[in-house]
Amino acid sequence: MSARLPSDPIDRLFARFPLLEAEQITLRRLRRSDAQDLFAVFSDDEVTRHYDLATFEEADEALDLIDFVAESYAAERQVRWAIELRGTQRVVGTCGFVWLRPHSAEIGYDLARKFWGQGIMYEALTTLLTYAFEELTLNRIEALVIPANVRSRRLLERLGFVHEGTLREYDFFKDAFHDMEMYALLRRDWMA
């Protein structure tokens, strides 16, 4: 007899890591064997420019990130998927949720620069948002974006996120306070 999954969608999320598939990509659990691919993503200053993460200088930093993501998932604090190009086992970025609460979450994402502008992140986030609203039954998904990250802001707007305002000096990273733009997407708007 197999173990029964919990009835609450968020509990199910943390009971069994979900594999999500789309046309170009698979969203799956990060593995330690992904360290080289992740190092390639996060050792690029352009990828981390608008991020609260320092640019990686050592390959071990990618292993530390993978371990942190696994520990955070085990503690039910966040869930982060590897974005794998279908049929290649190559990880080109990550996406997931932090601050997961019963009816809302904050989304985060990153992608290797080589793959910008190819629709990969749009597909990854469309897959993730569909899962969040349909399977997790979330009502609201938020995204915080530094004002200068125009590409990310455009992506969110294309996905239907609404700009709700500017949080002045909301975050501190890279030795400075940063304003953050608050975007949100509601379940009813996604399902319309």
N, C-alpha and C. Protein backbone atom coordinates (compact mmCIF):
# COMPACT_ATOMS: atom_id res chain seq x y z
N MET A 1 0.85 -1.17 0.00
CA MET A 1 0.00 0.00 0.00
C MET A 1 0.90 1.24 0.00
N SER A 2 0.62 2.16 -0.92
CA SER A 2 1.43 3.37 -0.99
C SER A 2 0.90 4.42 -0.02
N ALA A 3 1.80 5.30 0.38
CA ALA A 3 1.41 6.37 1.31
C ALA A 3 0.45 7.32 0.60
N ARG A 4 -0.55 7.76 1.32
CA ARG A 4 -1.53 8.71 0.79
C ARG A 4 -0.97 10.12 0.85
N LEU A 5 -1.18 10.87 -0.21
CA LEU A 5 -0.76 12.26 -0.22
C LEU A 5 -1.74 13.10 0.58
N PRO A 6 -1.26 14.14 1.23
CA PRO A 6 -2.15 15.02 2.00
C PRO A 6 -3.20 15.66 1.09
N SER A 7 -4.32 16.05 1.67
CA SER A 7 -5.39 16.67 0.88
C SER A 7 -5.13 18.15 0.60
N ASP A 8 -4.40 18.84 1.47
CA ASP A 8 -4.11 20.25 1.25
C ASP A 8 -3.08 20.38 0.12
N PRO A 9 -3.35 21.24 -0.88
CA PRO A 9 -2.43 21.36 -2.02
C PRO A 9 -1.01 21.76 -1.65
N ILE A 10 -0.85 22.66 -0.69
CA ILE A 10 0.50 23.08 -0.29
C ILE A 10 1.21 21.94 0.42
N ASP A 11 0.49 21.20 1.25
CA ASP A 11 1.09 20.03 1.90
C ASP A 11 1.52 19.00 0.86
N ARG A 12 0.71 18.81 -0.19
CA ARG A 12 1.06 17.87 -1.26
C ARG A 12 2.33 18.32 -1.97
N LEU A 13 2.44 19.64 -2.19
CA LEU A 13 3.63 20.19 -2.85
C LEU A 13 4.89 19.78 -2.10
N PHE A 14 4.84 19.86 -0.77
CA PHE A 14 6.02 19.53 0.02
C PHE A 14 6.14 18.05 0.34
N ALA A 15 5.12 17.26 0.04
CA ALA A 15 5.19 15.81 0.26
C ALA A 15 5.88 15.11 -0.91
N ARG A 16 5.68 15.64 -2.11
CA ARG A 16 6.28 15.04 -3.31
C ARG A 16 6.60 16.15 -4.29
N PHE A 17 7.89 16.28 -4.63
CA PHE A 17 8.32 17.35 -5.53
C PHE A 17 7.70 17.14 -6.91
N PRO A 18 6.98 18.14 -7.41
CA PRO A 18 6.30 17.96 -8.70
C PRO A 18 7.22 18.18 -9.90
N LEU A 19 7.06 17.32 -10.88
CA LEU A 19 7.73 17.44 -12.17
C LEU A 19 6.73 18.09 -13.11
N LEU A 20 7.12 19.19 -13.75
CA LEU A 20 6.23 19.92 -14.65
C LEU A 20 6.86 19.97 -16.04
N GLU A 21 6.09 19.60 -17.05
CA GLU A 21 6.64 19.55 -18.40
C GLU A 21 5.91 20.50 -19.34
N ALA A 22 6.66 21.08 -20.25
CA ALA A 22 6.13 21.97 -21.28
C ALA A 22 6.79 21.60 -22.60
N GLU A 23 6.52 22.37 -23.62
CA GLU A 23 7.01 22.03 -24.95
C GLU A 23 8.54 22.04 -25.03
N GLN A 24 9.18 23.13 -24.59
CA GLN A 24 10.63 23.27 -24.71
C GLN A 24 11.40 22.87 -23.47
N ILE A 25 10.71 22.82 -22.33
CA ILE A 25 11.42 22.68 -21.06
C ILE A 25 10.73 21.69 -20.13
N THR A 26 11.51 21.23 -19.17
CA THR A 26 11.00 20.45 -18.04
C THR A 26 11.39 21.21 -16.78
N LEU A 27 10.44 21.36 -15.87
CA LEU A 27 10.73 21.94 -14.56
C LEU A 27 10.85 20.78 -13.59
N ARG A 28 12.03 20.64 -13.00
CA ARG A 28 12.30 19.50 -12.12
C ARG A 28 13.13 19.95 -10.92
N ARG A 29 13.30 19.01 -10.01
CA ARG A 29 14.10 19.28 -8.80
C ARG A 29 15.57 19.50 -9.19
N LEU A 30 16.21 20.45 -8.54
CA LEU A 30 17.65 20.65 -8.73
C LEU A 30 18.41 19.47 -8.16
N ARG A 31 19.49 19.09 -8.85
CA ARG A 31 20.36 18.00 -8.38
C ARG A 31 21.78 18.54 -8.26
N ARG A 32 22.57 17.89 -7.42
CA ARG A 32 23.96 18.32 -7.27
C ARG A 32 24.72 18.22 -8.59
N SER A 33 24.30 17.32 -9.45
CA SER A 33 24.94 17.19 -10.77
C SER A 33 24.66 18.39 -11.68
N ASP A 34 23.76 19.29 -11.26
CA ASP A 34 23.47 20.51 -12.02
C ASP A 34 24.43 21.65 -11.69
N ALA A 35 25.37 21.41 -10.81
CA ALA A 35 26.22 22.50 -10.30
C ALA A 35 26.96 23.24 -11.42
N GLN A 36 27.50 22.52 -12.38
CA GLN A 36 28.24 23.19 -13.46
C GLN A 36 27.32 24.10 -14.27
N ASP A 37 26.13 23.61 -14.59
CA ASP A 37 25.17 24.44 -15.34
C ASP A 37 24.77 25.67 -14.53
N LEU A 38 24.52 25.49 -13.23
CA LEU A 38 24.12 26.63 -12.39
C LEU A 38 25.26 27.63 -12.24
N PHE A 39 26.48 27.13 -12.14
CA PHE A 39 27.62 28.04 -12.07
C PHE A 39 27.68 28.90 -13.33
N ALA A 40 27.43 28.30 -14.49
CA ALA A 40 27.43 29.06 -15.74
C ALA A 40 26.37 30.16 -15.72
N VAL A 41 25.22 29.89 -15.13
CA VAL A 41 24.16 30.90 -15.05
C VAL A 41 24.57 32.03 -14.12
N PHE A 42 24.97 31.68 -12.90
CA PHE A 42 25.17 32.69 -11.85
C PHE A 42 26.57 33.29 -11.80
N SER A 43 27.46 32.86 -12.69
CA SER A 43 28.78 33.50 -12.76
C SER A 43 28.77 34.63 -13.79
N ASP A 44 27.62 34.89 -14.38
CA ASP A 44 27.45 35.96 -15.36
C ASP A 44 26.92 37.21 -14.65
N ASP A 45 27.72 38.28 -14.68
CA ASP A 45 27.33 39.55 -14.04
C ASP A 45 25.99 40.09 -14.55
N GLU A 46 25.68 39.84 -15.80
CA GLU A 46 24.42 40.34 -16.36
C GLU A 46 23.22 39.61 -15.75
N VAL A 47 23.38 38.34 -15.43
CA VAL A 47 22.29 37.57 -14.82
C VAL A 47 22.05 38.06 -13.39
N THR A 48 23.11 38.35 -12.66
CA THR A 48 22.98 38.71 -11.24
C THR A 48 22.90 40.22 -11.01
N ARG A 49 22.96 41.01 -12.06
CA ARG A 49 22.99 42.47 -11.90
C ARG A 49 21.82 43.00 -11.09
N HIS A 50 20.63 42.49 -11.32
CA HIS A 50 19.43 42.98 -10.63
C HIS A 50 18.98 42.01 -9.54
N TYR A 51 19.88 41.21 -9.05
CA TYR A 51 19.56 40.10 -8.16
C TYR A 51 20.19 40.35 -6.79
N ASP A 52 19.57 39.82 -5.75
CA ASP A 52 20.15 39.94 -4.41
C ASP A 52 21.14 38.82 -4.12
N LEU A 53 21.76 38.33 -5.17
CA LEU A 53 22.73 37.25 -5.08
C LEU A 53 24.02 37.74 -5.73
N ALA A 54 25.13 37.54 -5.04
CA ALA A 54 26.42 37.94 -5.61
C ALA A 54 26.78 37.02 -6.78
N THR A 55 27.46 37.57 -7.76
CA THR A 55 27.91 36.78 -8.90
C THR A 55 28.87 35.70 -8.39
N PHE A 56 28.64 34.48 -8.85
CA PHE A 56 29.47 33.35 -8.41
C PHE A 56 30.89 33.50 -8.96
N GLU A 57 31.86 33.20 -8.10
CA GLU A 57 33.25 33.20 -8.51
C GLU A 57 33.87 31.82 -8.41
N GLU A 58 33.27 30.96 -7.60
CA GLU A 58 33.78 29.60 -7.38
C GLU A 58 32.69 28.59 -7.70
N ALA A 59 33.06 27.47 -8.28
CA ALA A 59 32.09 26.43 -8.64
C ALA A 59 31.34 25.90 -7.41
N ASP A 60 32.00 25.89 -6.25
CA ASP A 60 31.35 25.40 -5.03
C ASP A 60 30.14 26.23 -4.63
N GLU A 61 30.09 27.48 -5.07
CA GLU A 61 28.94 28.32 -4.74
C GLU A 61 27.65 27.76 -5.36
N ALA A 62 27.77 27.12 -6.50
CA ALA A 62 26.60 26.49 -7.12
C ALA A 62 26.12 25.32 -6.28
N LEU A 63 27.04 24.53 -5.74
CA LEU A 63 26.67 23.43 -4.84
C LEU A 63 26.01 23.96 -3.58
N ASP A 64 26.54 25.06 -3.06
CA ASP A 64 25.93 25.68 -1.87
C ASP A 64 24.50 26.11 -2.15
N LEU A 65 24.27 26.68 -3.32
CA LEU A 65 22.92 27.11 -3.69
C LEU A 65 21.98 25.91 -3.81
N ILE A 66 22.43 24.85 -4.45
CA ILE A 66 21.62 23.64 -4.58
C ILE A 66 21.27 23.09 -3.21
N ASP A 67 22.25 23.05 -2.31
CA ASP A 67 22.00 22.56 -0.94
C ASP A 67 21.02 23.46 -0.21
N PHE A 68 21.16 24.77 -0.36
CA PHE A 68 20.26 25.72 0.28
C PHE A 68 18.82 25.53 -0.22
N VAL A 69 18.66 25.37 -1.51
CA VAL A 69 17.33 25.16 -2.09
C VAL A 69 16.73 23.87 -1.56
N ALA A 70 17.53 22.81 -1.48
CA ALA A 70 17.03 21.53 -0.96
C ALA A 70 16.63 21.64 0.51
N GLU A 71 17.45 22.33 1.30
CA GLU A 71 17.14 22.52 2.73
C GLU A 71 15.89 23.38 2.91
N SER A 72 15.74 24.40 2.10
CA SER A 72 14.56 25.27 2.18
C SER A 72 13.30 24.52 1.80
N TYR A 73 13.41 23.62 0.83
CA TYR A 73 12.25 22.80 0.44
C TYR A 73 11.89 21.84 1.57
N ALA A 74 12.90 21.20 2.15
CA ALA A 74 12.66 20.26 3.26
C ALA A 74 12.02 20.97 4.45
N ALA A 75 12.38 22.23 4.66
CA ALA A 75 11.81 23.02 5.76
C ALA A 75 10.49 23.70 5.36
N GLU A 76 10.04 23.45 4.13
CA GLU A 76 8.79 23.99 3.59
C GLU A 76 8.78 25.52 3.55
N ARG A 77 9.95 26.10 3.23
CA ARG A 77 10.07 27.56 3.11
C ARG A 77 9.98 28.05 1.66
N GLN A 78 10.42 27.21 0.74
CA GLN A 78 10.38 27.59 -0.67
C GLN A 78 10.44 26.35 -1.54
N VAL A 79 10.07 26.53 -2.79
CA VAL A 79 10.21 25.47 -3.78
C VAL A 79 10.79 26.11 -5.04
N ARG A 80 11.85 25.51 -5.55
CA ARG A 80 12.53 26.07 -6.72
C ARG A 80 12.81 24.94 -7.70
N TRP A 81 12.42 25.14 -8.93
CA TRP A 81 12.62 24.15 -9.98
C TRP A 81 13.83 24.51 -10.83
N ALA A 82 14.52 23.48 -11.31
CA ALA A 82 15.52 23.66 -12.36
C ALA A 82 14.75 23.79 -13.67
N ILE A 83 15.18 24.69 -14.53
CA ILE A 83 14.62 24.79 -15.88
C ILE A 83 15.56 24.03 -16.79
N GLU A 84 15.11 22.87 -17.23
CA GLU A 84 15.92 21.99 -18.06
C GLU A 84 15.40 22.02 -19.49
N LEU A 85 16.29 22.19 -20.45
CA LEU A 85 15.88 22.10 -21.85
C LEU A 85 15.51 20.66 -22.13
N ARG A 86 14.33 20.45 -22.67
CA ARG A 86 13.83 19.08 -22.88
C ARG A 86 14.79 18.28 -23.74
N GLY A 87 15.03 17.06 -23.29
CA GLY A 87 15.86 16.13 -24.03
C GLY A 87 17.35 16.37 -23.92
N THR A 88 17.78 17.33 -23.10
CA THR A 88 19.21 17.65 -23.03
C THR A 88 19.82 17.42 -21.66
N GLN A 89 19.03 17.43 -20.61
CA GLN A 89 19.49 17.40 -19.22
C GLN A 89 20.34 18.63 -18.87
N ARG A 90 20.24 19.67 -19.68
CA ARG A 90 20.97 20.92 -19.43
C ARG A 90 20.07 21.91 -18.71
N VAL A 91 20.56 22.39 -17.56
CA VAL A 91 19.82 23.37 -16.77
C VAL A 91 20.25 24.76 -17.21
N VAL A 92 19.26 25.59 -17.57
CA VAL A 92 19.55 26.93 -18.08
C VAL A 92 19.05 28.03 -17.16
N GLY A 93 18.45 27.64 -16.04
CA GLY A 93 17.95 28.62 -15.08
C GLY A 93 17.12 27.94 -14.01
N THR A 94 16.46 28.77 -13.19
CA THR A 94 15.58 28.24 -12.14
C THR A 94 14.36 29.14 -12.03
N CYS A 95 13.33 28.60 -11.41
CA CYS A 95 12.15 29.41 -11.09
C CYS A 95 11.44 28.74 -9.92
N GLY A 96 10.69 29.52 -9.17
CA GLY A 96 9.99 28.93 -8.05
C GLY A 96 9.31 29.96 -7.18
N PHE A 97 8.90 29.50 -6.00
CA PHE A 97 8.15 30.32 -5.07
C PHE A 97 8.85 30.41 -3.72
N VAL A 98 8.86 31.61 -3.17
CA VAL A 98 9.28 31.84 -1.79
C VAL A 98 8.09 32.46 -1.08
N TRP A 99 8.16 32.53 0.21
CA TRP A 99 7.08 33.11 1.01
C TRP A 99 5.75 32.46 0.66
N LEU A 100 5.78 31.14 0.46
CA LEU A 100 4.56 30.41 0.14
C LEU A 100 3.64 30.40 1.35
N ARG A 101 2.45 30.92 1.16
CA ARG A 101 1.45 30.98 2.22
C ARG A 101 0.21 30.23 1.72
N PRO A 102 -0.80 30.04 2.55
CA PRO A 102 -1.95 29.24 2.11
C PRO A 102 -2.59 29.70 0.79
N HIS A 103 -2.62 30.99 0.53
CA HIS A 103 -3.32 31.45 -0.68
C HIS A 103 -2.47 32.32 -1.59
N SER A 104 -1.20 32.53 -1.24
CA SER A 104 -0.37 33.40 -2.07
C SER A 104 1.10 33.01 -1.96
N ALA A 105 1.88 33.53 -2.90
CA ALA A 105 3.32 33.25 -2.91
C ALA A 105 4.02 34.35 -3.69
N GLU A 106 5.34 34.42 -3.52
CA GLU A 106 6.17 35.31 -4.32
C GLU A 106 6.96 34.46 -5.30
N ILE A 107 6.95 34.86 -6.55
CA ILE A 107 7.64 34.10 -7.59
C ILE A 107 9.03 34.71 -7.83
N GLY A 108 9.98 33.87 -8.18
CA GLY A 108 11.32 34.31 -8.53
C GLY A 108 11.84 33.46 -9.68
N TYR A 109 12.78 34.00 -10.45
CA TYR A 109 13.25 33.28 -11.63
C TYR A 109 14.56 33.87 -12.12
N ASP A 110 15.31 33.07 -12.88
CA ASP A 110 16.57 33.49 -13.47
C ASP A 110 16.85 32.60 -14.66
N LEU A 111 17.61 33.10 -15.61
CA LEU A 111 17.86 32.37 -16.85
C LEU A 111 19.23 32.76 -17.39
N ALA A 112 19.96 31.78 -17.90
CA ALA A 112 21.26 32.05 -18.53
C ALA A 112 21.07 33.05 -19.68
N ARG A 113 21.96 34.00 -19.76
CA ARG A 113 21.84 35.08 -20.75
C ARG A 113 21.73 34.56 -22.18
N LYS A 114 22.42 33.48 -22.47
CA LYS A 114 22.40 32.90 -23.81
C LYS A 114 20.98 32.58 -24.27
N PHE A 115 20.07 32.38 -23.32
CA PHE A 115 18.70 31.96 -23.65
C PHE A 115 17.67 33.07 -23.50
N TRP A 116 18.12 34.29 -23.22
CA TRP A 116 17.20 35.42 -23.13
C TRP A 116 16.55 35.65 -24.49
N GLY A 117 15.30 36.07 -24.48
CA GLY A 117 14.60 36.43 -25.70
C GLY A 117 14.15 35.27 -26.57
N GLN A 118 14.18 34.05 -26.05
CA GLN A 118 13.79 32.87 -26.82
C GLN A 118 12.47 32.26 -26.36
N GLY A 119 11.80 32.92 -25.43
CA GLY A 119 10.51 32.40 -24.96
C GLY A 119 10.61 31.33 -23.89
N ILE A 120 11.82 31.01 -23.46
CA ILE A 120 11.99 29.93 -22.48
C ILE A 120 11.42 30.33 -21.12
N MET A 121 11.73 31.54 -20.65
CA MET A 121 11.21 31.93 -19.35
C MET A 121 9.71 32.16 -19.41
N TYR A 122 9.21 32.66 -20.50
CA TYR A 122 7.75 32.82 -20.65
C TYR A 122 7.07 31.45 -20.52
N GLU A 123 7.62 30.46 -21.19
CA GLU A 123 7.06 29.10 -21.11
C GLU A 123 7.20 28.53 -19.70
N ALA A 124 8.34 28.73 -19.07
CA ALA A 124 8.55 28.21 -17.71
C ALA A 124 7.56 28.84 -16.74
N LEU A 125 7.40 30.16 -16.81
CA LEU A 125 6.50 30.83 -15.88
C LEU A 125 5.04 30.55 -16.20
N THR A 126 4.69 30.40 -17.46
CA THR A 126 3.32 30.01 -17.81
C THR A 126 3.00 28.65 -17.21
N THR A 127 3.93 27.72 -17.32
CA THR A 127 3.75 26.38 -16.74
C THR A 127 3.63 26.47 -15.23
N LEU A 128 4.49 27.25 -14.61
CA LEU A 128 4.50 27.39 -13.16
C LEU A 128 3.23 28.08 -12.65
N LEU A 129 2.80 29.12 -13.34
CA LEU A 129 1.59 29.84 -12.92
C LEU A 129 0.35 28.96 -13.07
N THR A 130 0.27 28.21 -14.15
CA THR A 130 -0.86 27.29 -14.33
C THR A 130 -0.90 26.28 -13.19
N TYR A 131 0.25 25.73 -12.84
CA TYR A 131 0.34 24.79 -11.72
C TYR A 131 -0.09 25.46 -10.41
N ALA A 132 0.39 26.67 -10.19
CA ALA A 132 0.10 27.37 -8.94
C ALA A 132 -1.38 27.67 -8.78
N PHE A 133 -2.01 28.12 -9.84
CA PHE A 133 -3.43 28.49 -9.74
C PHE A 133 -4.36 27.28 -9.81
N GLU A 134 -4.01 26.29 -10.63
CA GLU A 134 -4.90 25.14 -10.79
C GLU A 134 -4.67 24.06 -9.75
N GLU A 135 -3.42 23.73 -9.47
CA GLU A 135 -3.13 22.62 -8.56
C GLU A 135 -2.96 23.08 -7.11
N LEU A 136 -2.25 24.17 -6.91
CA LEU A 136 -2.03 24.66 -5.55
C LEU A 136 -3.19 25.55 -5.08
N THR A 137 -4.05 25.90 -5.99
CA THR A 137 -5.20 26.78 -5.75
C THR A 137 -4.81 28.09 -5.07
N LEU A 138 -3.66 28.63 -5.46
CA LEU A 138 -3.26 29.94 -4.95
C LEU A 138 -4.19 31.00 -5.53
N ASN A 139 -4.38 32.07 -4.81
CA ASN A 139 -5.21 33.17 -5.28
C ASN A 139 -4.38 34.34 -5.80
N ARG A 140 -3.16 34.52 -5.27
CA ARG A 140 -2.35 35.69 -5.61
C ARG A 140 -0.89 35.28 -5.69
N ILE A 141 -0.23 35.75 -6.75
CA ILE A 141 1.20 35.54 -6.89
C ILE A 141 1.84 36.91 -7.09
N GLU A 142 2.85 37.18 -6.28
CA GLU A 142 3.53 38.47 -6.31
C GLU A 142 4.93 38.30 -6.91
N ALA A 143 5.43 39.39 -7.46
CA ALA A 143 6.80 39.44 -7.95
C ALA A 143 7.37 40.80 -7.57
N LEU A 144 8.57 40.80 -7.02
CA LEU A 144 9.28 42.03 -6.70
C LEU A 144 10.44 42.17 -7.67
N VAL A 145 10.49 43.32 -8.35
CA VAL A 145 11.49 43.52 -9.39
C VAL A 145 12.14 44.88 -9.19
N ILE A 146 13.46 44.91 -9.30
CA ILE A 146 14.18 46.18 -9.22
C ILE A 146 13.76 47.03 -10.44
N PRO A 147 13.54 48.33 -10.27
CA PRO A 147 13.03 49.16 -11.37
C PRO A 147 13.83 49.07 -12.67
N ALA A 148 15.14 48.95 -12.58
CA ALA A 148 15.98 48.92 -13.78
C ALA A 148 15.88 47.62 -14.57
N ASN A 149 15.25 46.59 -14.01
CA ASN A 149 15.15 45.30 -14.70
C ASN A 149 13.95 45.32 -15.65
N VAL A 150 14.12 46.04 -16.73
CA VAL A 150 13.03 46.26 -17.69
C VAL A 150 12.59 44.95 -18.34
N ARG A 151 13.52 44.06 -18.67
CA ARG A 151 13.15 42.78 -19.31
C ARG A 151 12.23 41.98 -18.40
N SER A 152 12.53 41.93 -17.14
CA SER A 152 11.70 41.17 -16.20
C SER A 152 10.33 41.82 -16.05
N ARG A 153 10.30 43.12 -15.98
CA ARG A 153 9.02 43.83 -15.85
C ARG A 153 8.14 43.58 -17.07
N ARG A 154 8.74 43.61 -18.25
CA ARG A 154 7.97 43.34 -19.48
C ARG A 154 7.43 41.91 -19.49
N LEU A 155 8.25 40.97 -19.04
CA LEU A 155 7.80 39.58 -18.98
C LEU A 155 6.59 39.45 -18.06
N LEU A 156 6.68 40.03 -16.89
CA LEU A 156 5.56 39.96 -15.95
C LEU A 156 4.30 40.58 -16.54
N GLU A 157 4.44 41.71 -17.18
CA GLU A 157 3.27 42.37 -17.79
C GLU A 157 2.69 41.52 -18.91
N ARG A 158 3.54 40.88 -19.68
CA ARG A 158 3.07 39.98 -20.75
C ARG A 158 2.29 38.80 -20.18
N LEU A 159 2.68 38.35 -18.99
CA LEU A 159 1.99 37.24 -18.32
C LEU A 159 0.70 37.68 -17.64
N GLY A 160 0.45 38.99 -17.60
CA GLY A 160 -0.79 39.48 -17.00
C GLY A 160 -0.64 40.07 -15.61
N PHE A 161 0.60 40.14 -15.10
CA PHE A 161 0.82 40.75 -13.79
C PHE A 161 0.49 42.24 -13.87
N VAL A 162 -0.01 42.77 -12.78
CA VAL A 162 -0.36 44.18 -12.68
C VAL A 162 0.64 44.87 -11.75
N HIS A 163 1.16 46.01 -12.20
CA HIS A 163 2.06 46.80 -11.36
C HIS A 163 1.24 47.48 -10.28
N GLU A 164 1.53 47.18 -9.02
CA GLU A 164 0.75 47.72 -7.91
C GLU A 164 1.41 48.90 -7.22
N GLY A 165 2.69 49.12 -7.49
CA GLY A 165 3.35 50.26 -6.87
C GLY A 165 4.82 50.02 -6.64
N THR A 166 5.47 51.04 -6.10
CA THR A 166 6.89 51.00 -5.80
C THR A 166 7.08 50.93 -4.29
N LEU A 167 7.87 49.96 -3.86
CA LEU A 167 8.23 49.84 -2.45
C LEU A 167 9.59 50.52 -2.30
N ARG A 168 9.58 51.70 -1.72
CA ARG A 168 10.79 52.51 -1.65
C ARG A 168 11.82 51.92 -0.68
N GLU A 169 13.06 51.81 -1.19
CA GLU A 169 14.18 51.27 -0.40
C GLU A 169 13.76 50.03 0.37
N TYR A 170 13.10 49.13 -0.31
CA TYR A 170 12.51 47.93 0.28
C TYR A 170 13.55 46.86 0.61
N ASP A 171 14.57 46.76 -0.22
CA ASP A 171 15.53 45.67 -0.07
C ASP A 171 16.94 46.24 0.01
N PHE A 172 17.81 45.51 0.71
CA PHE A 172 19.21 45.92 0.83
C PHE A 172 20.07 44.78 0.32
N PHE A 173 20.80 45.02 -0.74
CA PHE A 173 21.77 44.06 -1.25
C PHE A 173 22.82 44.78 -2.07
N LYS A 174 23.96 44.15 -2.21
CA LYS A 174 25.09 44.74 -2.92
C LYS A 174 25.42 46.13 -2.39
N ASP A 175 25.39 46.22 -1.05
CA ASP A 175 25.79 47.43 -0.32
C ASP A 175 24.93 48.66 -0.59
N ALA A 176 23.68 48.45 -0.96
CA ALA A 176 22.80 49.60 -1.20
C ALA A 176 21.34 49.22 -0.97
N PHE A 177 20.53 50.22 -0.63
CA PHE A 177 19.09 50.03 -0.57
C PHE A 177 18.53 50.15 -1.99
N HIS A 178 17.51 49.34 -2.26
CA HIS A 178 16.91 49.34 -3.60
C HIS A 178 15.40 49.45 -3.50
N ASP A 179 14.83 50.32 -4.34
CA ASP A 179 13.38 50.31 -4.52
C ASP A 179 13.03 49.01 -5.23
N MET A 180 11.82 48.53 -4.98
CA MET A 180 11.33 47.34 -5.67
C MET A 180 9.95 47.64 -6.23
N GLU A 181 9.71 47.18 -7.44
CA GLU A 181 8.39 47.32 -8.06
C GLU A 181 7.58 46.08 -7.69
N MET A 182 6.38 46.30 -7.15
CA MET A 182 5.49 45.21 -6.77
C MET A 182 4.53 44.92 -7.91
N TYR A 183 4.58 43.67 -8.36
CA TYR A 183 3.64 43.17 -9.36
C TYR A 183 2.84 42.05 -8.73
N ALA A 184 1.61 41.86 -9.18
CA ALA A 184 0.79 40.76 -8.68
C ALA A 184 -0.13 40.26 -9.78
N LEU A 185 -0.43 38.98 -9.68
CA LEU A 185 -1.37 38.32 -10.59
C LEU A 185 -2.36 37.55 -9.74
N LEU A 186 -3.64 37.76 -10.01
CA LEU A 186 -4.70 37.06 -9.28
C LEU A 186 -5.20 35.88 -10.08
N ARG A 187 -5.63 34.87 -9.35
CA ARG A 187 -6.16 33.65 -9.97
C ARG A 187 -7.27 33.99 -10.96
N ARG A 188 -8.21 34.84 -10.58
CA ARG A 188 -9.36 35.14 -11.45
C ARG A 188 -8.90 35.79 -12.76
N ASP A 189 -7.81 36.56 -12.71
CA ASP A 189 -7.30 37.19 -13.93
C ASP A 189 -6.59 36.16 -14.82
N TRP A 190 -5.87 35.24 -14.20
CA TRP A 190 -5.17 34.20 -14.96
C TRP A 190 -6.17 33.26 -15.63
N MET A 191 -7.24 32.93 -14.93
CA MET A 191 -8.21 31.96 -15.44
C MET A 191 -9.18 32.58 -16.46
N ALA A 192 -9.19 33.91 -16.56
CA ALA A 192 -10.16 34.58 -17.46
C ALA A 192 -9.84 34.33 -18.93
